[in-house]
C-alpha atoms as a PDB file:
ATOM      1  CA  MET A   1      -0.011  -0.013   0.005  1.00  0.00           C
ATOM      2  CA  LYS A   2       2.866   2.377   0.873  1.00  0.00           C
ATOM      3  CA  ILE A   3       4.546   1.636  -2.457  1.00  0.00           C
ATOM      4  CA  ILE A   4       1.355   2.493  -4.407  1.00  0.00           C
ATOM      5  CA  ARG A   5       1.046   5.859  -2.582  1.00  0.00           C
ATOM      6  CA  ILE A   6       4.735   6.696  -3.371  1.00  0.00           C
ATOM      7  CA  ALA A   7       4.264   5.649  -6.996  1.00  0.00           C
ATOM      8  CA  SER A   8       1.102   7.710  -7.401  1.00  0.00           C
ATOM      9  CA  LEU A   9       2.837  10.711  -5.767  1.00  0.00           C
ATOM     10  CA  LEU A  10       5.768  10.437  -8.183  1.00  0.00           C
ATOM     11  CA  LEU A  11       3.440  10.051 -11.141  1.00  0.00           C
ATOM     12  CA  GLY A  12       1.522  13.175 -10.048  1.00  0.00           C
ATOM     13  CA  LEU A  13       4.716  15.198  -9.581  1.00  0.00           C
ATOM     14  CA  SER A  14       6.030  14.096 -13.031  1.00  0.00           C
ATOM     15  CA  LEU A  15       2.696  15.161 -14.636  1.00  0.00           C
ATOM     16  CA  LEU A  16       2.849  18.550 -12.961  1.00  0.00           C
ATOM     17  CA  ALA A  17       6.436  18.996 -14.161  1.00  0.00           C
ATOM     18  CA  CYS A  18       5.354  18.322 -17.765  1.00  0.00           C
ATOM     19  CA  THR A  19       2.693  20.986 -17.994  1.00  0.00           C
ATOM     20  CA  SER A  20       3.290  23.540 -20.699  1.00  0.00           C
ATOM     21  CA  LYS A  21       3.733  27.167 -19.786  1.00  0.00           C
ATOM     22  CA  THR A  22       3.842  30.125 -22.100  1.00  0.00           C
ATOM     23  CA  ALA A  23       7.205  31.760 -22.194  1.00  0.00           C
ATOM     24  CA  GLU A  24       7.421  35.320 -20.910  1.00  0.00           C
ATOM     25  CA  TYR A  25      10.104  37.446 -22.515  1.00  0.00           C
ATOM     26  CA  ASP A  26      11.853  40.102 -20.497  1.00  0.00           C
ATOM     27  CA  SER A  27      13.392  41.860 -23.420  1.00  0.00           C
ATOM     28  CA  ASP A  28      13.053  44.869 -25.694  1.00  0.00           C
ATOM     29  CA  VAL A  29      12.679  42.497 -28.669  1.00  0.00           C
ATOM     30  CA  GLU A  30       9.383  42.878 -30.396  1.00  0.00           C
ATOM     31  CA  PHE A  31       7.784  39.571 -31.458  1.00  0.00           C
ATOM     32  CA  ILE A  32       5.397  39.547 -34.352  1.00  0.00           C
ATOM     33  CA  GLN A  33       3.162  36.505 -34.775  1.00  0.00           C
ATOM     34  CA  VAL A  34       2.527  35.470 -38.317  1.00  0.00           C
ATOM     35  CA  HIS A  35       0.000  32.682 -38.959  1.00  0.00           C
ATOM     36  CA  LEU A  36       1.189  30.914 -42.034  1.00  0.00           C
ATOM     37  CA  ASN A  37      -1.639  28.396 -42.165  1.00  0.00           C
ATOM     38  CA  LYS A  38      -4.301  31.030 -42.951  1.00  0.00           C
ATOM     39  CA  SER A  39      -5.341  31.281 -46.537  1.00  0.00           C
ATOM     40  CA  LYS A  40      -5.189  35.066 -46.653  1.00  0.00           C
ATOM     41  CA  SER A  41      -1.816  36.311 -47.822  1.00  0.00           C
ATOM     42  CA  THR A  42      -0.035  38.823 -45.614  1.00  0.00           C
ATOM     43  CA  MET A  43       1.488  41.881 -47.187  1.00  0.00           C
ATOM     44  CA  MET A  44       5.113  42.592 -46.088  1.00  0.00           C
ATOM     45  CA  GLU A  45       4.088  46.141 -45.124  1.00  0.00           C
ATOM     46  CA  GLU A  46       1.814  44.659 -42.408  1.00  0.00           C
ATOM     47  CA  ILE A  47       4.783  42.960 -40.753  1.00  0.00           C
ATOM     48  CA  ILE A  48       7.766  45.160 -41.383  1.00  0.00           C
ATOM     49  CA  GLU A  49       7.814  48.948 -41.095  1.00  0.00           C
ATOM     50  CA  ARG A  50      11.074  49.413 -43.026  1.00  0.00           C
ATOM     51  CA  ILE A  51      14.223  47.683 -44.106  1.00  0.00           C
ATOM     52  CA  GLU A  52      17.550  49.512 -43.842  1.00  0.00           C
ATOM     53  CA  LEU A  53      20.920  48.443 -45.170  1.00  0.00           C
ATOM     54  CA  ILE A  54      23.717  50.025 -43.160  1.00  0.00           C
ATOM     55  CA  PRO A  55      27.161  49.523 -44.657  1.00  0.00           C
ATOM     56  CA  LEU A  56      29.731  48.962 -41.900  1.00  0.00           C
ATOM     57  CA  GLU A  57      33.041  50.795 -42.018  1.00  0.00           C
ATOM     58  CA  THR A  58      35.850  48.561 -43.337  1.00  0.00           C
ATOM     59  CA  ASN A  59      39.449  48.993 -42.291  1.00  0.00           C
ATOM     60  CA  ASN A  60      42.233  46.781 -40.911  1.00  0.00           C
ATOM     61  CA  ASP A  61      40.819  46.994 -37.358  1.00  0.00           C
ATOM     62  CA  CYS A  62      37.315  45.747 -38.172  1.00  0.00           C
ATOM     63  CA  LEU A  63      37.449  43.078 -40.839  1.00  0.00           C
ATOM     64  CA  LEU A  64      34.705  40.527 -40.304  1.00  0.00           C
ATOM     65  CA  HIS A  65      34.486  37.143 -41.921  1.00  0.00           C
ATOM     66  CA  MET A  66      31.772  35.218 -40.104  1.00  0.00           C
ATOM     67  CA  TYR A  67      29.833  36.006 -36.980  1.00  0.00           C
ATOM     68  CA  ASN A  68      27.861  34.184 -34.264  1.00  0.00           C
ATOM     69  CA  LYS A  69      25.732  37.027 -32.907  1.00  0.00           C
ATOM     70  CA  MET A  70      24.683  40.511 -33.831  1.00  0.00           C
ATOM     71  CA  ALA A  71      22.732  42.852 -31.558  1.00  0.00           C
ATOM     72  CA  TYR A  72      21.585  46.454 -31.747  1.00  0.00           C
ATOM     73  CA  TYR A  73      21.531  48.411 -28.491  1.00  0.00           C
ATOM     74  CA  LYS A  74      19.152  51.351 -28.989  1.00  0.00           C
ATOM     75  CA  GLU A  75      20.212  53.031 -25.675  1.00  0.00           C
ATOM     76  CA  LEU A  76      23.732  53.471 -27.014  1.00  0.00           C
ATOM     77  CA  GLY A  77      23.001  53.543 -30.681  1.00  0.00           C
ATOM     78  CA  ILE A  78      25.485  50.815 -31.382  1.00  0.00           C
ATOM     79  CA  TYR A  79      25.698  47.458 -33.129  1.00  0.00           C
ATOM     80  CA  ALA A  80      27.721  44.706 -31.398  1.00  0.00           C
ATOM     81  CA  ILE A  81      28.867  41.813 -33.550  1.00  0.00           C
ATOM     82  CA  LEU A  82      30.456  38.709 -31.999  1.00  0.00           C
ATOM     83  CA  ASP A  83      32.522  36.838 -34.602  1.00  0.00           C
ATOM     84  CA  ILE A  84      33.496  33.170 -34.719  1.00  0.00           C
ATOM     85  CA  ASN A  85      36.885  33.956 -33.063  1.00  0.00           C
ATOM     86  CA  TYR A  86      35.058  35.303 -29.989  1.00  0.00           C
ATOM     87  CA  ASP A  87      35.973  38.921 -30.777  1.00  0.00           C
ATOM     88  CA  THR A  88      33.359  41.639 -30.489  1.00  0.00           C
ATOM     89  CA  TYR A  89      33.179  44.620 -32.829  1.00  0.00           C
ATOM     90  CA  LEU A  90      31.185  47.753 -32.044  1.00  0.00           C
ATOM     91  CA  PHE A  91      29.772  50.006 -34.733  1.00  0.00           C
ATOM     92  CA  SER A  92      27.642  53.190 -34.444  1.00  0.00           C
ATOM     93  CA  ASP A  93      24.157  53.132 -35.816  1.00  0.00           C
ATOM     94  CA  ASP A  94      25.431  54.796 -38.990  1.00  0.00           C
ATOM     95  CA  GLY A  95      28.035  52.068 -39.478  1.00  0.00           C
ATOM     96  CA  LYS A  96      31.187  53.827 -38.178  1.00  0.00           C
ATOM     97  CA  TYR A  97      33.651  51.575 -36.425  1.00  0.00           C
ATOM     98  CA  ILE A  98      34.046  52.269 -32.657  1.00  0.00           C
ATOM     99  CA  SER A  99      36.199  49.494 -31.111  1.00  0.00           C
ATOM    100  CA  ASN A 100      36.873  45.792 -30.862  1.00  0.00           C
ATOM    101  CA  SER A 101      37.750  43.298 -28.098  1.00  0.00           C
ATOM    102  CA  ILE A 102      40.775  41.718 -29.749  1.00  0.00           C
ATOM    103  CA  ALA A 103      43.119  43.036 -27.018  1.00  0.00           C
ATOM    104  CA  ALA A 104      40.683  41.790 -24.296  1.00  0.00           C
ATOM    105  CA  ARG A 105      40.882  38.190 -25.547  1.00  0.00           C
ATOM    106  CA  GLY A 106      43.825  36.064 -24.338  1.00  0.00           C
ATOM    107  CA  PRO A 107      45.257  34.105 -21.414  1.00  0.00           C
ATOM    108  CA  GLY A 108      45.826  37.037 -19.042  1.00  0.00           C
ATOM    109  CA  PRO A 109      43.975  37.704 -15.770  1.00  0.00           C
ATOM    110  CA  ARG A 110      41.940  40.564 -17.244  1.00  0.00           C
ATOM    111  CA  GLN A 111      41.185  38.771 -20.532  1.00  0.00           C
ATOM    112  CA  TYR A 112      38.668  36.202 -21.629  1.00  0.00           C
ATOM    113  CA  GLN A 113      39.499  33.164 -23.779  1.00  0.00           C
ATOM    114  CA  ILE A 114      36.180  31.656 -24.882  1.00  0.00           C
ATOM    115  CA  VAL A 115      32.710  33.227 -24.897  1.00  0.00           C
ATOM    116  CA  VAL A 116      29.296  31.562 -24.680  1.00  0.00           C
ATOM    117  CA  ASP A 117      27.413  34.845 -24.937  1.00  0.00           C
ATOM    118  CA  MET A 118      27.973  38.589 -25.084  1.00  0.00           C
ATOM    119  CA  LEU A 119      25.655  41.529 -24.352  1.00  0.00           C
ATOM    120  CA  TYR A 120      25.530  45.145 -23.233  1.00  0.00           C
ATOM    121  CA  ASN A 121      24.231  45.512 -19.650  1.00  0.00           C
ATOM    122  CA  PRO A 122      22.410  48.818 -19.298  1.00  0.00           C
ATOM    123  CA  TYR A 123      22.672  48.614 -15.483  1.00  0.00           C
ATOM    124  CA  SER A 124      26.422  48.287 -15.338  1.00  0.00           C
ATOM    125  CA  LYS A 125      26.873  50.255 -18.615  1.00  0.00           C
ATOM    126  CA  CYS A 126      29.365  47.553 -19.705  1.00  0.00           C
ATOM    127  CA  MET A 127      29.815  44.918 -22.372  1.00  0.00           C
ATOM    128  CA  GLU A 128      29.621  41.548 -20.594  1.00  0.00           C
ATOM    129  CA  PHE A 129      31.046  38.249 -21.756  1.00  0.00           C
ATOM    130  CA  LEU A 130      30.022  34.927 -20.254  1.00  0.00           C
ATOM    131  CA  ASP A 131      32.524  32.090 -20.522  1.00  0.00           C
ATOM    132  CA  PRO A 132      31.560  28.385 -20.321  1.00  0.00           C
ATOM    133  CA  TYR A 133      32.890  28.116 -16.760  1.00  0.00           C
ATOM    134  CA  GLY A 134      30.440  30.597 -15.222  1.00  0.00           C
ATOM    135  CA  THR A 135      32.657  33.694 -15.234  1.00  0.00           C
ATOM    136  CA  ILE A 136      31.438  37.095 -16.495  1.00  0.00           C
ATOM    137  CA  TYR A 137      33.987  39.553 -17.768  1.00  0.00           C
ATOM    138  CA  ARG A 138      32.926  43.233 -17.858  1.00  0.00           C
ATOM    139  CA  TYR A 139      34.490  45.803 -20.153  1.00  0.00           C
ATOM    140  CA  ASP A 140      33.528  49.364 -21.045  1.00  0.00           C
ATOM    141  CA  THR A 141      32.614  50.127 -24.641  1.00  0.00           C
ATOM    142  CA  LEU A 142      36.256  50.747 -25.504  1.00  0.00           C
ATOM    143  CA  PHE A 143      37.021  47.309 -24.013  1.00  0.00           C
ATOM    144  CA  ASN A 144      38.959  48.498 -21.016  1.00  0.00           C
ATOM    145  CA  PHE A 145      38.682  45.887 -18.230  1.00  0.00           C
ATOM    146  CA  VAL A 146      36.222  46.724 -15.446  1.00  0.00           C
ATOM    147  CA  GLU A 147      35.706  43.555 -13.403  1.00  0.00           C
ATOM    148  CA  LYS A 148      35.549  39.786 -13.388  1.00  0.00           C
ATOM    149  CA  ILE A 149      32.620  38.043 -11.659  1.00  0.00           C
ATOM    150  CA  SER A 150      32.561  34.306 -10.878  1.00  0.00           C
ATOM    151  CA  LEU A 151      29.088  32.893 -10.651  1.00  0.00           C
ATOM    152  CA  ASP A 152      28.429  30.475  -7.804  1.00  0.00           C
ATOM    153  CA  GLN A 153      28.416  26.972  -9.353  1.00  0.00           C
ATOM    154  CA  THR A 154      25.716  25.698  -7.008  1.00  0.00           C
ATOM    155  CA  TYR A 155      23.127  27.843  -8.750  1.00  0.00           C
ATOM    156  CA  LEU A 156      24.158  26.878 -12.315  1.00  0.00           C
ATOM    157  CA  ILE A 157      21.986  24.004 -13.567  1.00  0.00           C
END
């Protein structure tokens, strides 16, 4: 009898764990839902307000081949591009080159080696890099070192 109660409790908990929940996004990204299965065709003007092509400045300091992530930070008016070598390049919203993180990448104590993700944190006003070992490296927008934060491994799951 005790085994049946434990089994039914575990089954109930597993069913509760499998319930679906709508994701809530805490971001400035605007999501537009497009229903492709409807027979009515959607005009592009209904989805997109405008398309802009912004040529990025090209010089020896900012040659890009392939990239992993590109983000636009409206607060600063900058584009941040993380390339496949884990270097980040910053460009103004009109495409002018600002800086890159090449000098911040390396084996030194104020440098990062590998990056899982990169973003601009509006609270610290810094570019932040997360490495696979749970360390966040903070740099200003000219990639001068600010601080290194090690996340507590007990909370990483």
